[in-house]
C-alpha atoms as a PDB file:
ATOM      1  CA  TYR A   1      10.566-167.114-150.653  1.00  0.00           C
ATOM      2  CA  SER A   2       8.818-163.575-150.233  1.00  0.00           C
ATOM      3  CA  ASN A   3      11.753-161.845-151.846  1.00  0.00           C
ATOM      4  CA  ILE A   4      11.775-163.395-154.892  1.00  0.00           C
ATOM      5  CA  PHE A   5       9.731-162.729-158.342  1.00  0.00           C
ATOM      6  CA  ALA A   6       9.365-163.756-161.542  1.00  0.00           C
ATOM      7  CA  LEU A   7       8.361-161.806-164.464  1.00  0.00           C
ATOM      8  CA  GLY A   8       7.419-162.717-167.948  1.00  0.00           C
ATOM      9  CA  ASP A   9       8.021-166.089-169.379  1.00  0.00           C
ATOM     10  CA  SER A  10       9.339-167.539-166.083  1.00  0.00           C
ATOM     11  CA  SER A  11       6.794-166.522-163.684  1.00  0.00           C
ATOM     12  CA  ASN A  12       3.393-169.172-162.893  1.00  0.00           C
ATOM     13  CA  HIS A  13       1.138-166.242-163.673  1.00  0.00           C
ATOM     14  CA  ASP A  14      -2.126-167.080-166.193  1.00  0.00           C
ATOM     15  CA  THR A  15      -0.957-163.881-168.124  1.00  0.00           C
ATOM     16  CA  PRO A  16       0.487-164.671-171.641  1.00  0.00           C
ATOM     17  CA  LYS A  17       4.083-165.246-172.032  1.00  0.00           C
ATOM     18  CA  MET A  18       4.349-161.867-174.010  1.00  0.00           C
ATOM     19  CA  ALA A  19       7.300-159.119-174.109  1.00  0.00           C
ATOM     20  CA  PHE A  20       4.036-156.876-173.540  1.00  0.00           C
ATOM     21  CA  TRP A  21       2.841-158.774-170.716  1.00  0.00           C
ATOM     22  CA  ALA A  22       6.179-158.932-168.847  1.00  0.00           C
ATOM     23  CA  ALA A  23       7.209-155.251-168.973  1.00  0.00           C
ATOM     24  CA  ASP A  24       3.448-154.462-167.580  1.00  0.00           C
ATOM     25  CA  GLN A  25       4.238-156.999-164.551  1.00  0.00           C
ATOM     26  CA  GLY A  26       7.789-155.328-164.282  1.00  0.00           C
ATOM     27  CA  LYS A  27       5.588-151.498-163.947  1.00  0.00           C
ATOM     28  CA  PHE A  28       3.468-153.301-161.210  1.00  0.00           C
ATOM     29  CA  LEU A  29       6.057-154.946-159.153  1.00  0.00           C
ATOM     30  CA  ALA A  30       8.442-151.570-159.215  1.00  0.00           C
ATOM     31  CA  ALA A  31       5.458-149.990-158.045  1.00  0.00           C
ATOM     32  CA  GLN A  32       4.575-152.143-155.297  1.00  0.00           C
ATOM     33  CA  LEU A  33       8.479-152.594-154.127  1.00  0.00           C
ATOM     34  CA  ALA A  34       8.554-148.959-154.415  1.00  0.00           C
ATOM     35  CA  ALA A  35       5.535-148.389-151.938  1.00  0.00           C
ATOM     36  CA  VAL A  36       7.779-150.925-149.937  1.00  0.00           C
ATOM     37  CA  VAL A  37      10.566-148.858-149.631  1.00  0.00           C
ATOM     38  CA  GLN A  38       8.569-145.618-148.874  1.00  0.00           C
ATOM     39  CA  LYS A  39       6.646-147.428-146.314  1.00  0.00           C
ATOM     40  CA  LYS A  40       3.350-147.008-147.437  1.00  0.00           C
ATOM     41  CA  GLN A  41       2.679-150.384-147.303  1.00  0.00           C
ATOM     42  CA  ASP A  42       4.329-153.459-145.090  1.00  0.00           C
ATOM     43  CA  VAL A  43       5.138-156.212-147.630  1.00  0.00           C
ATOM     44  CA  PHE A  44       4.402-157.131-151.000  1.00  0.00           C
ATOM     45  CA  ASN A  45       1.155-158.741-150.822  1.00  0.00           C
ATOM     46  CA  LYS A  46      -0.824-157.813-153.746  1.00  0.00           C
ATOM     47  CA  PRO A  47      -0.815-160.456-156.926  1.00  0.00           C
ATOM     48  CA  TYR A  48      -0.641-159.336-160.517  1.00  0.00           C
ATOM     49  CA  PRO A  49      -4.065-158.650-161.697  1.00  0.00           C
ATOM     50  CA  LYS A  50      -5.923-161.409-163.902  1.00  0.00           C
ATOM     51  CA  VAL A  51      -5.355-160.296-167.375  1.00  0.00           C
ATOM     52  CA  THR A  52      -8.248-161.226-170.576  1.00  0.00           C
ATOM     53  CA  THR A  53      -5.986-161.191-174.066  1.00  0.00           C
ATOM     54  CA  GLU A  54      -7.673-160.754-177.255  1.00  0.00           C
ATOM     55  CA  ALA A  55      -7.062-163.366-179.973  1.00  0.00           C
ATOM     56  CA  MET A  56      -6.395-162.134-183.024  1.00  0.00           C
ATOM     57  CA  ILE A  57      -6.238-164.043-186.588  1.00  0.00           C
ATOM     58  CA  HIS A  58      -4.120-161.641-189.310  1.00  0.00           C
ATOM     59  CA  PRO A  59      -2.611-162.848-191.899  1.00  0.00           C
ATOM     60  CA  VAL A  60      -0.642-161.086-194.117  1.00  0.00           C
ATOM     61  CA  GLY A  61      -2.269-157.821-195.785  1.00  0.00           C
ATOM     62  CA  SER A  62      -4.945-156.531-194.412  1.00  0.00           C
ATOM     63  CA  GLY A  63      -7.397-159.118-193.761  1.00  0.00           C
ATOM     64  CA  GLY A  64      -8.633-160.704-190.051  1.00  0.00           C
ATOM     65  CA  VAL A  65     -10.646-161.791-187.397  1.00  0.00           C
ATOM     66  CA  SER A  66     -10.701-160.822-183.525  1.00  0.00           C
ATOM     67  CA  GLN A  67     -12.320-161.677-180.585  1.00  0.00           C
ATOM     68  CA  LEU A  68     -12.183-159.035-178.079  1.00  0.00           C
ATOM     69  CA  PRO A  69     -11.695-159.412-174.009  1.00  0.00           C
ATOM     70  CA  PHE A  70     -14.403-156.680-173.440  1.00  0.00           C
ATOM     71  CA  TRP A  71     -18.372-156.565-174.594  1.00  0.00           C
ATOM     72  CA  GLY A  72     -18.528-160.454-173.703  1.00  0.00           C
ATOM     73  CA  GLY A  73     -15.959-161.161-176.351  1.00  0.00           C
ATOM     74  CA  VAL A  74     -17.436-159.386-179.516  1.00  0.00           C
ATOM     75  CA  VAL A  75     -15.508-160.750-182.496  1.00  0.00           C
ATOM     76  CA  VAL A  76     -14.752-157.988-185.297  1.00  0.00           C
ATOM     77  CA  GLY A  77     -13.896-158.267-188.761  1.00  0.00           C
ATOM     78  CA  ASP A  78     -10.757-157.044-191.057  1.00  0.00           C
ATOM     79  CA  TRP A  79     -11.051-153.539-190.609  1.00  0.00           C
ATOM     80  CA  PHE A  80     -10.998-153.288-186.600  1.00  0.00           C
ATOM     81  CA  THR A  81      -8.073-156.289-186.643  1.00  0.00           C
ATOM     82  CA  TRP A  82      -5.958-154.192-189.363  1.00  0.00           C
ATOM     83  CA  ARG A  83      -6.561-150.824-186.357  1.00  0.00           C
ATOM     84  CA  ILE A  84      -5.569-153.393-183.519  1.00  0.00           C
ATOM     85  CA  LYS A  85      -2.648-154.366-185.299  1.00  0.00           C
ATOM     86  CA  ALA A  86      -1.827-151.077-186.628  1.00  0.00           C
ATOM     87  CA  LYS A  87       0.006-152.152-189.557  1.00  0.00           C
ATOM     88  CA  ASP A  88       3.205-153.147-187.742  1.00  0.00           C
ATOM     89  CA  PHE A  89       1.651-157.192-185.999  1.00  0.00           C
ATOM     90  CA  MET A  90       1.922-154.239-182.577  1.00  0.00           C
ATOM     91  CA  ALA A  91       5.145-153.977-183.173  1.00  0.00           C
ATOM     92  CA  GLY A  92       5.302-150.210-182.234  1.00  0.00           C
ATOM     93  CA  ARG A  93       3.657-150.754-178.689  1.00  0.00           C
ATOM     94  CA  THR A  94       6.072-152.944-177.607  1.00  0.00           C
ATOM     95  CA  TRP A  95       8.815-150.310-178.683  1.00  0.00           C
ATOM     96  CA  GLY A  96       7.273-147.611-177.478  1.00  0.00           C
ATOM     97  CA  SER A  97       6.485-148.886-173.886  1.00  0.00           C
ATOM     98  CA  LEU A  98      10.349-149.499-173.822  1.00  0.00           C
ATOM     99  CA  GLY A  99      10.948-145.608-174.762  1.00  0.00           C
ATOM    100  CA  ALA A 100      12.633-146.924-177.944  1.00  0.00           C
ATOM    101  CA  THR A 101      11.211-145.895-181.897  1.00  0.00           C
ATOM    102  CA  HIS A 102      10.150-148.222-183.979  1.00  0.00           C
ATOM    103  CA  PRO A 103      12.454-148.603-186.768  1.00  0.00           C
ATOM    104  CA  LYS A 104      10.843-148.392-190.329  1.00  0.00           C
END
């Protein structure tokens, strides 16, 4: 059906099933639907783009290793992984995307 949409865990897109990506899919869908309503495009026909995600192993503490989704999948160590996860395992990033403040 052309008028039924699924986001996040319920979608069949290859995007990882995470709240962050579901929120991004929601922004994409809202922009596409707004363009149709405002008659900037005739139909909703753009698929959500393919995303490349990073892989992280971050034990408790400041250690860890990450494989980044750019620069040919470069692997980085403790310090860089610690900076990516930003001390809160990226919870602040998710809260911020919802317009909320991460509780301390």
